[in-house]
Amino acid sequence: MKNREVLESMNKEDLIELIIQYGDNGLFPIELFTLKAEYDFSYDDLAKCWQEILRKALMMDQDEDGNAAEVLATGAELLFEQIKRIDAEEVNLLLETMIENLERAAEEDGIGMHEDSEWMYLQVKDDIEEYCGEI
């Protein structure tokens, strides 16, 4: 079975409903899909997305899910790309919050530490810090 062929055979609306349903049921973070879109997110949308990504990564890590660090890293990376598209002074606050959250995740919360995978999101944190130094 080829996953791409199967998914392409589905009705677009059915696929969207399935993604939303599975995301709402907590089977995966739907933000990893929505943040990939070429959509004009507001600052508030992105701030809420970040909190949700962080919450889900923490929950996954508490369940010893080996994908927690990857979800946090991917979510941070996708969110960072969306933030760079916004021309607003308030993005600096969100970027600073992300940096603090990612540092705390590596130190206190320990997301991915049982897998030694915190490096995934610490690289994104470094990229955000570098970007903040440029703006």
N, C-alpha and C. Protein backbone atom coordinates (compact mmCIF):
# COMPACT_ATOMS: atom_id res chain seq x y z
N MET A 1 0.84 -1.17 0.00
CA MET A 1 0.00 0.00 0.00
C MET A 1 0.89 1.24 0.00
N LYS A 2 0.56 2.17 -0.85
CA LYS A 2 1.27 3.44 -0.91
C LYS A 2 0.39 4.50 -0.28
N ASN A 3 0.87 5.05 0.83
CA ASN A 3 0.07 6.01 1.58
C ASN A 3 -0.38 7.20 0.74
N ARG A 4 0.51 7.70 -0.11
CA ARG A 4 0.16 8.85 -0.94
C ARG A 4 -1.02 8.53 -1.84
N GLU A 5 -0.99 7.38 -2.48
CA GLU A 5 -2.09 6.99 -3.38
C GLU A 5 -3.41 6.88 -2.63
N VAL A 6 -3.35 6.28 -1.46
CA VAL A 6 -4.57 6.12 -0.66
C VAL A 6 -5.12 7.49 -0.27
N LEU A 7 -4.25 8.37 0.22
CA LEU A 7 -4.71 9.69 0.64
C LEU A 7 -5.21 10.52 -0.54
N GLU A 8 -4.55 10.39 -1.68
CA GLU A 8 -5.00 11.12 -2.87
C GLU A 8 -6.35 10.63 -3.36
N SER A 9 -6.69 9.39 -3.04
CA SER A 9 -7.98 8.85 -3.47
C SER A 9 -9.14 9.37 -2.61
N MET A 10 -8.81 9.95 -1.47
CA MET A 10 -9.85 10.45 -0.56
C MET A 10 -10.38 11.80 -1.03
N ASN A 11 -11.62 12.03 -0.70
CA ASN A 11 -12.25 13.32 -0.93
C ASN A 11 -11.54 14.34 -0.03
N LYS A 12 -11.25 15.53 -0.57
CA LYS A 12 -10.52 16.54 0.19
C LYS A 12 -11.25 16.91 1.48
N GLU A 13 -12.55 17.08 1.42
CA GLU A 13 -13.32 17.44 2.62
C GLU A 13 -13.26 16.33 3.67
N ASP A 14 -13.33 15.08 3.23
CA ASP A 14 -13.24 13.96 4.17
C ASP A 14 -11.87 13.92 4.85
N LEU A 15 -10.84 14.19 4.07
CA LEU A 15 -9.49 14.20 4.62
C LEU A 15 -9.32 15.33 5.64
N ILE A 16 -9.85 16.50 5.32
CA ILE A 16 -9.79 17.63 6.25
C ILE A 16 -10.53 17.29 7.55
N GLU A 17 -11.71 16.72 7.42
CA GLU A 17 -12.49 16.35 8.61
C GLU A 17 -11.75 15.31 9.46
N LEU A 18 -11.11 14.37 8.79
CA LEU A 18 -10.35 13.33 9.50
C LEU A 18 -9.17 13.93 10.26
N ILE A 19 -8.46 14.84 9.62
CA ILE A 19 -7.32 15.50 10.27
C ILE A 19 -7.79 16.28 11.49
N ILE A 20 -8.88 17.02 11.34
CA ILE A 20 -9.42 17.80 12.46
C ILE A 20 -9.88 16.87 13.57
N GLN A 21 -10.58 15.83 13.22
CA GLN A 21 -11.09 14.89 14.23
C GLN A 21 -9.94 14.24 14.99
N TYR A 22 -8.94 13.74 14.28
CA TYR A 22 -7.82 13.09 14.95
C TYR A 22 -7.01 14.08 15.78
N GLY A 23 -6.88 15.30 15.27
CA GLY A 23 -6.19 16.33 16.04
C GLY A 23 -6.94 16.69 17.30
N ASP A 24 -8.25 16.85 17.19
CA ASP A 24 -9.08 17.18 18.35
C ASP A 24 -9.08 16.06 19.38
N ASN A 25 -8.94 14.83 18.93
CA ASN A 25 -8.91 13.69 19.85
C ASN A 25 -7.53 13.47 20.46
N GLY A 26 -6.59 14.32 20.11
CA GLY A 26 -5.26 14.24 20.70
C GLY A 26 -4.35 13.19 20.10
N LEU A 27 -4.71 12.66 18.94
CA LEU A 27 -3.86 11.64 18.32
C LEU A 27 -2.58 12.23 17.74
N PHE A 28 -2.63 13.50 17.38
CA PHE A 28 -1.44 14.22 16.93
C PHE A 28 -1.72 15.71 17.05
N PRO A 29 -0.68 16.53 17.13
CA PRO A 29 -0.88 17.97 17.22
C PRO A 29 -1.29 18.56 15.87
N ILE A 30 -2.51 19.00 15.76
CA ILE A 30 -3.01 19.54 14.49
C ILE A 30 -2.25 20.79 14.07
N GLU A 31 -1.63 21.47 15.04
CA GLU A 31 -0.86 22.67 14.73
C GLU A 31 0.27 22.38 13.75
N LEU A 32 0.78 21.15 13.74
CA LEU A 32 1.85 20.82 12.81
C LEU A 32 1.35 20.82 11.37
N PHE A 33 0.05 20.69 11.19
CA PHE A 33 -0.54 20.79 9.85
C PHE A 33 -0.90 22.24 9.54
N THR A 34 -1.59 22.89 10.47
CA THR A 34 -2.08 24.24 10.19
C THR A 34 -0.95 25.24 10.01
N LEU A 35 0.12 25.10 10.77
CA LEU A 35 1.23 26.06 10.65
C LEU A 35 1.98 25.92 9.34
N LYS A 36 1.77 24.85 8.64
CA LYS A 36 2.42 24.64 7.35
C LYS A 36 1.71 25.43 6.24
N ALA A 37 0.51 25.92 6.53
CA ALA A 37 -0.30 26.61 5.53
C ALA A 37 0.21 28.02 5.25
N GLU A 38 -0.02 28.47 4.04
CA GLU A 38 0.23 29.86 3.67
C GLU A 38 -1.00 30.65 4.08
N TYR A 39 -1.05 31.02 5.33
CA TYR A 39 -2.23 31.67 5.90
C TYR A 39 -1.73 32.86 6.72
N ASP A 40 -2.49 33.92 6.73
CA ASP A 40 -2.12 35.11 7.50
C ASP A 40 -2.59 34.97 8.94
N PHE A 41 -1.79 34.31 9.74
CA PHE A 41 -2.11 34.12 11.14
C PHE A 41 -1.94 35.44 11.89
N SER A 42 -2.78 35.66 12.87
CA SER A 42 -2.61 36.83 13.73
C SER A 42 -1.59 36.48 14.82
N TYR A 43 -1.12 37.50 15.49
CA TYR A 43 -0.20 37.29 16.60
C TYR A 43 -0.86 36.40 17.65
N ASP A 44 -2.12 36.70 17.97
CA ASP A 44 -2.83 35.91 18.99
C ASP A 44 -2.96 34.44 18.58
N ASP A 45 -3.24 34.20 17.29
CA ASP A 45 -3.32 32.82 16.79
C ASP A 45 -2.01 32.09 17.04
N LEU A 46 -0.91 32.75 16.72
CA LEU A 46 0.39 32.11 16.85
C LEU A 46 0.76 31.90 18.32
N ALA A 47 0.42 32.86 19.17
CA ALA A 47 0.71 32.71 20.59
C ALA A 47 -0.07 31.53 21.17
N LYS A 48 -1.33 31.38 20.77
CA LYS A 48 -2.14 30.25 21.23
C LYS A 48 -1.59 28.93 20.69
N CYS A 49 -1.17 28.95 19.43
CA CYS A 49 -0.58 27.75 18.82
C CYS A 49 0.65 27.31 19.61
N TRP A 50 1.48 28.26 19.97
CA TRP A 50 2.70 27.92 20.70
C TRP A 50 2.36 27.27 22.04
N GLN A 51 1.42 27.84 22.75
CA GLN A 51 1.03 27.27 24.04
C GLN A 51 0.49 25.85 23.87
N GLU A 52 -0.26 25.63 22.80
CA GLU A 52 -0.82 24.30 22.55
C GLU A 52 0.27 23.30 22.18
N ILE A 53 1.21 23.71 21.35
CA ILE A 53 2.33 22.83 20.98
C ILE A 53 3.13 22.45 22.22
N LEU A 54 3.43 23.43 23.04
CA LEU A 54 4.19 23.19 24.26
C LEU A 54 3.43 22.25 25.19
N ARG A 55 2.14 22.48 25.35
CA ARG A 55 1.30 21.63 26.22
C ARG A 55 1.29 20.19 25.71
N LYS A 56 1.13 20.02 24.40
CA LYS A 56 1.07 18.67 23.84
C LYS A 56 2.41 17.95 23.96
N ALA A 57 3.50 18.68 23.75
CA ALA A 57 4.83 18.07 23.89
C ALA A 57 5.06 17.62 25.33
N LEU A 58 4.64 18.45 26.28
CA LEU A 58 4.78 18.07 27.70
C LEU A 58 3.96 16.83 28.02
N MET A 59 2.73 16.78 27.51
CA MET A 59 1.88 15.62 27.74
C MET A 59 2.49 14.36 27.13
N MET A 60 3.00 14.50 25.91
CA MET A 60 3.62 13.36 25.24
C MET A 60 4.83 12.87 26.04
N ASP A 61 5.62 13.82 26.53
CA ASP A 61 6.81 13.44 27.28
C ASP A 61 6.45 12.75 28.59
N GLN A 62 5.39 13.23 29.23
CA GLN A 62 4.94 12.58 30.47
C GLN A 62 4.50 11.14 30.21
N ASP A 63 3.99 10.90 29.01
CA ASP A 63 3.60 9.54 28.61
C ASP A 63 4.78 8.76 28.05
N GLU A 64 5.98 9.34 28.14
CA GLU A 64 7.21 8.76 27.62
C GLU A 64 7.13 8.44 26.14
N ASP A 65 6.44 9.32 25.42
CA ASP A 65 6.36 9.21 23.97
C ASP A 65 7.66 9.75 23.38
N GLY A 66 8.36 8.94 22.65
CA GLY A 66 9.64 9.31 22.08
C GLY A 66 9.58 10.42 21.05
N ASN A 67 8.38 10.81 20.65
CA ASN A 67 8.23 11.87 19.65
C ASN A 67 8.04 13.25 20.25
N ALA A 68 8.04 13.37 21.56
CA ALA A 68 7.76 14.65 22.22
C ALA A 68 8.73 15.74 21.79
N ALA A 69 10.02 15.45 21.79
CA ALA A 69 11.02 16.45 21.41
C ALA A 69 10.87 16.83 19.95
N GLU A 70 10.56 15.85 19.11
CA GLU A 70 10.39 16.14 17.69
C GLU A 70 9.16 17.01 17.45
N VAL A 71 8.08 16.75 18.17
CA VAL A 71 6.88 17.59 18.06
C VAL A 71 7.20 19.01 18.49
N LEU A 72 7.93 19.16 19.60
CA LEU A 72 8.30 20.49 20.08
C LEU A 72 9.20 21.19 19.07
N ALA A 73 10.18 20.49 18.54
CA ALA A 73 11.10 21.08 17.58
C ALA A 73 10.39 21.47 16.28
N THR A 74 9.59 20.56 15.75
CA THR A 74 8.87 20.83 14.50
C THR A 74 7.88 21.97 14.70
N GLY A 75 7.15 21.93 15.80
CA GLY A 75 6.19 23.00 16.09
C GLY A 75 6.88 24.35 16.22
N ALA A 76 8.00 24.38 16.93
CA ALA A 76 8.76 25.63 17.11
C ALA A 76 9.27 26.14 15.77
N GLU A 77 9.77 25.24 14.95
CA GLU A 77 10.30 25.63 13.64
C GLU A 77 9.20 26.18 12.74
N LEU A 78 8.07 25.50 12.67
CA LEU A 78 6.96 25.96 11.84
C LEU A 78 6.41 27.29 12.35
N LEU A 79 6.29 27.42 13.64
CA LEU A 79 5.80 28.66 14.23
C LEU A 79 6.77 29.80 13.96
N PHE A 80 8.05 29.54 14.10
CA PHE A 80 9.08 30.54 13.84
C PHE A 80 8.98 31.04 12.40
N GLU A 81 8.77 30.15 11.45
CA GLU A 81 8.62 30.56 10.05
C GLU A 81 7.40 31.46 9.87
N GLN A 82 6.32 31.15 10.56
CA GLN A 82 5.11 32.00 10.47
C GLN A 82 5.35 33.36 11.13
N ILE A 83 6.04 33.36 12.26
CA ILE A 83 6.31 34.62 12.97
C ILE A 83 7.13 35.56 12.10
N LYS A 84 8.08 35.03 11.35
CA LYS A 84 8.92 35.87 10.50
C LYS A 84 8.11 36.58 9.42
N ARG A 85 6.92 36.09 9.13
CA ARG A 85 6.06 36.71 8.12
C ARG A 85 5.26 37.88 8.67
N ILE A 86 5.20 37.99 9.99
CA ILE A 86 4.40 39.04 10.62
C ILE A 86 5.27 40.28 10.84
N ASP A 87 4.72 41.42 10.48
CA ASP A 87 5.42 42.68 10.68
C ASP A 87 4.76 43.40 11.86
N ALA A 88 5.16 43.00 13.04
CA ALA A 88 4.59 43.61 14.24
C ALA A 88 5.62 43.57 15.36
N GLU A 89 5.60 44.60 16.18
CA GLU A 89 6.56 44.66 17.28
C GLU A 89 6.30 43.57 18.32
N GLU A 90 5.05 43.16 18.43
CA GLU A 90 4.73 42.18 19.48
C GLU A 90 5.33 40.80 19.23
N VAL A 91 5.81 40.54 18.01
CA VAL A 91 6.40 39.22 17.76
C VAL A 91 7.64 39.00 18.61
N ASN A 92 8.32 40.09 18.97
CA ASN A 92 9.51 39.95 19.82
C ASN A 92 9.16 39.29 21.15
N LEU A 93 8.03 39.65 21.70
CA LEU A 93 7.60 39.06 22.96
C LEU A 93 7.37 37.55 22.81
N LEU A 94 6.72 37.16 21.71
CA LEU A 94 6.48 35.73 21.47
C LEU A 94 7.79 34.99 21.23
N LEU A 95 8.70 35.60 20.50
CA LEU A 95 10.00 34.97 20.27
C LEU A 95 10.76 34.78 21.59
N GLU A 96 10.73 35.80 22.44
CA GLU A 96 11.38 35.68 23.74
C GLU A 96 10.73 34.58 24.59
N THR A 97 9.40 34.51 24.52
CA THR A 97 8.68 33.46 25.25
C THR A 97 9.08 32.09 24.74
N MET A 98 9.18 31.95 23.42
CA MET A 98 9.58 30.66 22.85
C MET A 98 10.98 30.27 23.31
N ILE A 99 11.90 31.24 23.29
CA ILE A 99 13.27 30.96 23.73
C ILE A 99 13.28 30.48 25.18
N GLU A 100 12.56 31.20 26.04
CA GLU A 100 12.49 30.82 27.45
C GLU A 100 11.86 29.44 27.63
N ASN A 101 10.78 29.18 26.90
CA ASN A 101 10.11 27.88 27.00
C ASN A 101 11.01 26.75 26.53
N LEU A 102 11.74 26.97 25.45
CA LEU A 102 12.62 25.93 24.92
C LEU A 102 13.79 25.67 25.87
N GLU A 103 14.32 26.74 26.47
CA GLU A 103 15.39 26.56 27.47
C GLU A 103 14.87 25.78 28.67
N ARG A 104 13.69 26.16 29.15
CA ARG A 104 13.10 25.49 30.31
C ARG A 104 12.78 24.03 29.99
N ALA A 105 12.34 23.78 28.76
CA ALA A 105 12.03 22.41 28.36
C ALA A 105 13.27 21.53 28.43
N ALA A 106 14.40 22.11 28.10
CA ALA A 106 15.65 21.34 28.13
C ALA A 106 16.19 21.19 29.55
N GLU A 107 15.90 22.16 30.41
CA GLU A 107 16.47 22.14 31.75
C GLU A 107 15.52 21.54 32.78
N GLU A 108 14.36 22.17 32.95
CA GLU A 108 13.45 21.77 34.03
C GLU A 108 12.48 20.68 33.61
N ASP A 109 11.78 20.93 32.52
CA ASP A 109 10.73 20.01 32.09
C ASP A 109 11.31 18.71 31.54
N GLY A 110 12.49 18.82 30.93
CA GLY A 110 13.17 17.64 30.45
C GLY A 110 12.54 16.96 29.24
N ILE A 111 11.87 17.74 28.39
CA ILE A 111 11.21 17.13 27.23
C ILE A 111 12.25 16.45 26.36
N GLY A 112 12.07 15.17 26.14
CA GLY A 112 12.95 14.39 25.29
C GLY A 112 14.23 13.92 25.94
N MET A 113 14.42 14.23 27.20
CA MET A 113 15.69 13.87 27.85
C MET A 113 15.85 12.37 28.03
N HIS A 114 14.75 11.66 28.21
CA HIS A 114 14.89 10.20 28.34
C HIS A 114 15.29 9.56 27.02
N GLU A 115 15.22 10.33 25.95
CA GLU A 115 15.63 9.85 24.62
C GLU A 115 16.91 10.56 24.15
N ASP A 116 17.43 11.48 24.97
CA ASP A 116 18.56 12.34 24.57
C ASP A 116 18.27 13.07 23.27
N SER A 117 17.07 13.60 23.14
CA SER A 117 16.70 14.25 21.88
C SER A 117 16.36 15.72 22.04
N GLU A 118 16.73 16.31 23.18
CA GLU A 118 16.44 17.73 23.36
C GLU A 118 17.22 18.62 22.39
N TRP A 119 18.28 18.09 21.80
CA TRP A 119 19.05 18.84 20.81
C TRP A 119 18.17 19.30 19.65
N MET A 120 17.11 18.55 19.36
CA MET A 120 16.24 18.89 18.23
C MET A 120 15.66 20.29 18.39
N TYR A 121 15.11 20.57 19.56
CA TYR A 121 14.48 21.87 19.73
C TYR A 121 15.46 22.94 20.19
N LEU A 122 16.59 22.53 20.76
CA LEU A 122 17.59 23.52 21.14
C LEU A 122 18.22 24.16 19.91
N GLN A 123 18.28 23.43 18.80
CA GLN A 123 18.78 24.01 17.55
C GLN A 123 17.82 25.10 17.06
N VAL A 124 16.52 24.86 17.17
CA VAL A 124 15.54 25.87 16.77
C VAL A 124 15.66 27.09 17.68
N LYS A 125 15.86 26.85 18.98
CA LYS A 125 16.04 27.96 19.93
C LYS A 125 17.23 28.82 19.51
N ASP A 126 18.33 28.18 19.12
CA ASP A 126 19.51 28.93 18.66
C ASP A 126 19.19 29.74 17.41
N ASP A 127 18.42 29.18 16.49
CA ASP A 127 18.03 29.91 15.28
C ASP A 127 17.17 31.12 15.62
N ILE A 128 16.27 30.97 16.57
CA ILE A 128 15.41 32.08 16.99
C ILE A 128 16.26 33.17 17.64
N GLU A 129 17.20 32.78 18.51
CA GLU A 129 18.08 33.76 19.16
C GLU A 129 18.90 34.52 18.12
N GLU A 130 19.39 33.82 17.13
CA GLU A 130 20.16 34.47 16.07
C GLU A 130 19.29 35.46 15.31
N TYR A 131 18.08 35.06 14.99
CA TYR A 131 17.13 35.94 14.29
C TYR A 131 16.82 37.18 15.13
N CYS A 132 16.62 37.00 16.43
CA CYS A 132 16.33 38.13 17.31
C CYS A 132 17.49 39.11 17.35
N GLY A 133 18.70 38.62 17.22
CA GLY A 133 19.87 39.48 17.19
C GLY A 133 19.98 40.29 15.91
N GLU A 134 19.31 39.82 14.85
CA GLU A 134 19.36 40.49 13.56
C GLU A 134 18.27 41.54 13.39
N ILE A 135 17.17 41.41 14.14
CA ILE A 135 16.07 42.37 13.93
C ILE A 135 16.15 43.54 14.90
